[in-house]
Amino acid sequence: MFNNNRKSSPAAAAATSLVAKGTVVRGDVHFAGALHLEGRVEGAVLAEPGSGALFTLSEQGSVVGRIDVPNAMINGEVHGDIHVGERLELAAAARVEGDVHYRVLEMAAGARVNGKMMHQPEALKQLPRPEDAPSLAAAEA
């Protein structure tokens, strides 16, 4: 499931933060880069917009609150909604109590979700306006 053959994301190149097993964070966690959670967060886990961040929840880790990140690997327990803008991986030990919003999903046998699974289509790409496009006359000259 956690395939190492993929190109590294911008998050992988950035600094990684670790919340160790036995640590409890009460309040929202904002991050960019990568966040690896082996402890517990009682609050929202929020990535900086446009950061390409990666959130990893280990089998021992848990979140009681909303997760809103571009990329996530979940193998622990979540009590709250998950919003993943790009890629979500639910490993075999993932246990989710809440709705899951995703664009790309990989889910291993054994992962459990008690809530709605909602695919989010890719954002619509806007065509250039006619005044912004080069004219045919200019292209032929």
C-alpha atoms as a PDB file:
ATOM      1  CA  MET A   1       0.000   0.000   0.000  1.00  0.00           C
ATOM      2  CA  PHE A   2       2.653   2.543   0.947  1.00  0.00           C
ATOM      3  CA  ASN A   3       4.476   2.242  -2.317  1.00  0.00           C
ATOM      4  CA  ASN A   4       7.989   3.688  -2.326  1.00  0.00           C
ATOM      5  CA  ASN A   5       8.282   3.659  -6.121  1.00  0.00           C
ATOM      6  CA  ARG A   6       6.406   6.955  -6.552  1.00  0.00           C
ATOM      7  CA  LYS A   7       8.143  10.233  -7.225  1.00  0.00           C
ATOM      8  CA  SER A   8       8.658  12.158  -4.022  1.00  0.00           C
ATOM      9  CA  SER A   9       6.155  14.897  -3.365  1.00  0.00           C
ATOM     10  CA  PRO A  10       7.105  18.440  -2.360  1.00  0.00           C
ATOM     11  CA  ALA A  11       6.000  17.464   1.163  1.00  0.00           C
ATOM     12  CA  ALA A  12       8.580  14.679   1.307  1.00  0.00           C
ATOM     13  CA  ALA A  13      11.345  17.169   0.523  1.00  0.00           C
ATOM     14  CA  ALA A  14      10.169  19.556   3.268  1.00  0.00           C
ATOM     15  CA  ALA A  15      10.694  19.097   6.971  1.00  0.00           C
ATOM     16  CA  THR A  16       8.805  16.314   8.739  1.00  0.00           C
ATOM     17  CA  SER A  17       7.182  16.882  12.124  1.00  0.00           C
ATOM     18  CA  LEU A  18       6.542  13.994  14.511  1.00  0.00           C
ATOM     19  CA  VAL A  19       3.976  13.779  17.285  1.00  0.00           C
ATOM     20  CA  ALA A  20       5.252  10.796  19.259  1.00  0.00           C
ATOM     21  CA  LYS A  21       3.274   7.990  20.864  1.00  0.00           C
ATOM     22  CA  GLY A  22       1.948   9.052  24.259  1.00  0.00           C
ATOM     23  CA  THR A  23       1.757  12.745  23.273  1.00  0.00           C
ATOM     24  CA  VAL A  24      -1.669  14.437  23.315  1.00  0.00           C
ATOM     25  CA  VAL A  25      -2.201  17.715  21.472  1.00  0.00           C
ATOM     26  CA  ARG A  26      -5.382  19.594  22.429  1.00  0.00           C
ATOM     27  CA  GLY A  27      -6.217  22.174  19.766  1.00  0.00           C
ATOM     28  CA  ASP A  28      -5.830  22.547  16.025  1.00  0.00           C
ATOM     29  CA  VAL A  29      -2.571  21.550  14.347  1.00  0.00           C
ATOM     30  CA  HIS A  30      -1.499  23.603  11.309  1.00  0.00           C
ATOM     31  CA  PHE A  31       1.419  22.342   9.245  1.00  0.00           C
ATOM     32  CA  ALA A  32       3.207  22.400   5.896  1.00  0.00           C
ATOM     33  CA  GLY A  33       5.539  19.688   4.653  1.00  0.00           C
ATOM     34  CA  ALA A  34       4.919  16.369   6.364  1.00  0.00           C
ATOM     35  CA  LEU A  35       3.327  15.481   9.691  1.00  0.00           C
ATOM     36  CA  HIS A  36       3.640  11.986  11.173  1.00  0.00           C
ATOM     37  CA  LEU A  37       1.256  11.345  14.055  1.00  0.00           C
ATOM     38  CA  GLU A  38       1.819   8.443  16.445  1.00  0.00           C
ATOM     39  CA  GLY A  39       0.121  10.209  19.371  1.00  0.00           C
ATOM     40  CA  ARG A  40      -3.299  11.842  19.653  1.00  0.00           C
ATOM     41  CA  VAL A  41      -4.714  15.135  18.371  1.00  0.00           C
ATOM     42  CA  GLU A  42      -7.920  16.459  19.883  1.00  0.00           C
ATOM     43  CA  GLY A  43      -8.724  19.144  17.329  1.00  0.00           C
ATOM     44  CA  ALA A  44      -8.409  19.706  13.603  1.00  0.00           C
ATOM     45  CA  VAL A  45      -5.380  18.695  11.533  1.00  0.00           C
ATOM     46  CA  LEU A  46      -4.978  21.359   8.838  1.00  0.00           C
ATOM     47  CA  ALA A  47      -2.352  21.675   6.110  1.00  0.00           C
ATOM     48  CA  GLU A  48      -1.357  25.061   4.756  1.00  0.00           C
ATOM     49  CA  PRO A  49      -3.254  25.688   1.486  1.00  0.00           C
ATOM     50  CA  GLY A  50      -1.229  24.908  -1.632  1.00  0.00           C
ATOM     51  CA  SER A  51       1.547  23.251   0.368  1.00  0.00           C
ATOM     52  CA  GLY A  52       1.222  19.741  -1.094  1.00  0.00           C
ATOM     53  CA  ALA A  53       1.530  18.552   2.514  1.00  0.00           C
ATOM     54  CA  LEU A  54       1.425  14.906   3.597  1.00  0.00           C
ATOM     55  CA  PHE A  55      -0.275  13.724   6.795  1.00  0.00           C
ATOM     56  CA  THR A  56       0.540  10.217   8.066  1.00  0.00           C
ATOM     57  CA  LEU A  57      -1.438   8.655  10.917  1.00  0.00           C
ATOM     58  CA  SER A  58       0.243   5.560  12.349  1.00  0.00           C
ATOM     59  CA  GLU A  59      -1.633   2.527  13.661  1.00  0.00           C
ATOM     60  CA  GLN A  60      -1.213   3.771  17.255  1.00  0.00           C
ATOM     61  CA  GLY A  61      -2.253   7.338  16.396  1.00  0.00           C
ATOM     62  CA  SER A  62      -5.672   8.966  16.647  1.00  0.00           C
ATOM     63  CA  VAL A  63      -7.441  12.178  15.698  1.00  0.00           C
ATOM     64  CA  VAL A  64     -10.621  13.455  17.298  1.00  0.00           C
ATOM     65  CA  GLY A  65     -11.543  16.237  14.902  1.00  0.00           C
ATOM     66  CA  ARG A  66     -11.501  17.176  11.245  1.00  0.00           C
ATOM     67  CA  ILE A  67      -8.614  16.402   8.900  1.00  0.00           C
ATOM     68  CA  ASP A  68      -8.173  18.759   5.925  1.00  0.00           C
ATOM     69  CA  VAL A  69      -5.007  18.006   3.941  1.00  0.00           C
ATOM     70  CA  PRO A  70      -3.892  17.491   0.328  1.00  0.00           C
ATOM     71  CA  ASN A  71      -2.402  14.004   0.905  1.00  0.00           C
ATOM     72  CA  ALA A  72      -2.932  11.498   3.694  1.00  0.00           C
ATOM     73  CA  MET A  73      -1.968   7.988   4.741  1.00  0.00           C
ATOM     74  CA  ILE A  74      -4.305   6.786   7.492  1.00  0.00           C
ATOM     75  CA  ASN A  75      -3.599   3.641   9.498  1.00  0.00           C
ATOM     76  CA  GLY A  76      -5.023   4.712  12.870  1.00  0.00           C
ATOM     77  CA  GLU A  77      -8.286   5.945  14.338  1.00  0.00           C
ATOM     78  CA  VAL A  78     -10.181   9.069  13.213  1.00  0.00           C
ATOM     79  CA  HIS A  79     -13.346  10.447  14.817  1.00  0.00           C
ATOM     80  CA  GLY A  80     -14.282  13.246  12.441  1.00  0.00           C
ATOM     81  CA  ASP A  81     -14.578  14.086   8.766  1.00  0.00           C
ATOM     82  CA  ILE A  82     -11.621  13.693   6.421  1.00  0.00           C
ATOM     83  CA  HIS A  83     -11.104  16.062   3.464  1.00  0.00           C
ATOM     84  CA  VAL A  84      -8.213  15.087   1.185  1.00  0.00           C
ATOM     85  CA  GLY A  85      -7.719  17.202  -1.919  1.00  0.00           C
ATOM     86  CA  GLU A  86      -5.380  14.877  -3.798  1.00  0.00           C
ATOM     87  CA  ARG A  87      -4.589  11.338  -2.589  1.00  0.00           C
ATOM     88  CA  LEU A  88      -5.881   9.342   0.380  1.00  0.00           C
ATOM     89  CA  GLU A  89      -4.546   5.944   1.416  1.00  0.00           C
ATOM     90  CA  LEU A  90      -6.502   3.969   4.016  1.00  0.00           C
ATOM     91  CA  ALA A  91      -4.314   1.151   5.357  1.00  0.00           C
ATOM     92  CA  ALA A  92      -5.613  -2.118   6.801  1.00  0.00           C
ATOM     93  CA  ALA A  93      -5.819  -0.835  10.395  1.00  0.00           C
ATOM     94  CA  ALA A  94      -7.601   2.445   9.497  1.00  0.00           C
ATOM     95  CA  ARG A  95     -10.781   3.087  11.508  1.00  0.00           C
ATOM     96  CA  VAL A  96     -12.795   6.154  10.502  1.00  0.00           C
ATOM     97  CA  GLU A  97     -15.962   7.434  12.172  1.00  0.00           C
ATOM     98  CA  GLY A  98     -16.990  10.268   9.862  1.00  0.00           C
ATOM     99  CA  ASP A  99     -17.421  11.265   6.245  1.00  0.00           C
ATOM    100  CA  VAL A 100     -14.513  10.883   3.832  1.00  0.00           C
ATOM    101  CA  HIS A 101     -14.008  13.319   0.926  1.00  0.00           C
ATOM    102  CA  TYR A 102     -11.268  12.343  -1.522  1.00  0.00           C
ATOM    103  CA  ARG A 103     -10.062  12.779  -5.094  1.00  0.00           C
ATOM    104  CA  VAL A 104      -7.961   9.577  -5.382  1.00  0.00           C
ATOM    105  CA  LEU A 105      -8.493   6.722  -2.923  1.00  0.00           C
ATOM    106  CA  GLU A 106      -6.516   3.581  -2.168  1.00  0.00           C
ATOM    107  CA  MET A 107      -8.147   1.400   0.483  1.00  0.00           C
ATOM    108  CA  ALA A 108      -6.672  -1.827   1.853  1.00  0.00           C
ATOM    109  CA  ALA A 109      -8.695  -4.843   2.914  1.00  0.00           C
ATOM    110  CA  GLY A 110      -9.556  -4.470   6.591  1.00  0.00           C
ATOM    111  CA  ALA A 111      -9.859  -0.665   6.619  1.00  0.00           C
ATOM    112  CA  ARG A 112     -13.168   0.474   8.125  1.00  0.00           C
ATOM    113  CA  VAL A 113     -15.182   3.606   7.403  1.00  0.00           C
ATOM    114  CA  ASN A 114     -18.419   4.370   9.223  1.00  0.00           C
ATOM    115  CA  GLY A 115     -19.674   7.358   7.233  1.00  0.00           C
ATOM    116  CA  LYS A 116     -20.152   8.570   3.689  1.00  0.00           C
ATOM    117  CA  MET A 117     -17.457   8.159   1.046  1.00  0.00           C
ATOM    118  CA  MET A 118     -17.584  11.085  -1.388  1.00  0.00           C
ATOM    119  CA  HIS A 119     -15.420  11.420  -4.471  1.00  0.00           C
ATOM    120  CA  GLN A 120     -14.433  15.012  -5.228  1.00  0.00           C
ATOM    121  CA  PRO A 121     -13.920  15.557  -8.957  1.00  0.00           C
ATOM    122  CA  GLU A 122     -10.875  17.416 -10.145  1.00  0.00           C
ATOM    123  CA  ALA A 123     -11.417  21.148 -10.185  1.00  0.00           C
ATOM    124  CA  LEU A 124     -12.791  22.324 -13.487  1.00  0.00           C
ATOM    125  CA  LYS A 125     -10.186  23.887 -15.718  1.00  0.00           C
ATOM    126  CA  GLN A 126     -11.214  27.222 -17.161  1.00  0.00           C
ATOM    127  CA  LEU A 127     -10.620  27.763 -20.857  1.00  0.00           C
ATOM    128  CA  PRO A 128      -8.817  30.956 -21.801  1.00  0.00           C
ATOM    129  CA  ARG A 129     -11.051  33.901 -22.618  1.00  0.00           C
ATOM    130  CA  PRO A 130     -11.172  34.844 -26.332  1.00  0.00           C
ATOM    131  CA  GLU A 131      -9.390  38.148 -25.668  1.00  0.00           C
ATOM    132  CA  ASP A 132      -6.529  36.269 -23.944  1.00  0.00           C
ATOM    133  CA  ALA A 133      -6.057  33.720 -26.756  1.00  0.00           C
ATOM    134  CA  PRO A 134      -3.748  34.648 -29.646  1.00  0.00           C
ATOM    135  CA  SER A 135      -5.682  35.411 -32.801  1.00  0.00           C
ATOM    136  CA  LEU A 136      -5.347  33.321 -35.956  1.00  0.00           C
ATOM    137  CA  ALA A 137      -4.251  36.396 -37.926  1.00  0.00           C
ATOM    138  CA  ALA A 138      -1.346  36.983 -35.539  1.00  0.00           C
ATOM    139  CA  ALA A 139      -0.385  33.302 -35.713  1.00  0.00           C
ATOM    140  CA  GLU A 140      -0.310  33.318 -39.525  1.00  0.00           C
ATOM    141  CA  ALA A 141       1.821  36.486 -39.755  1.00  0.00           C
END
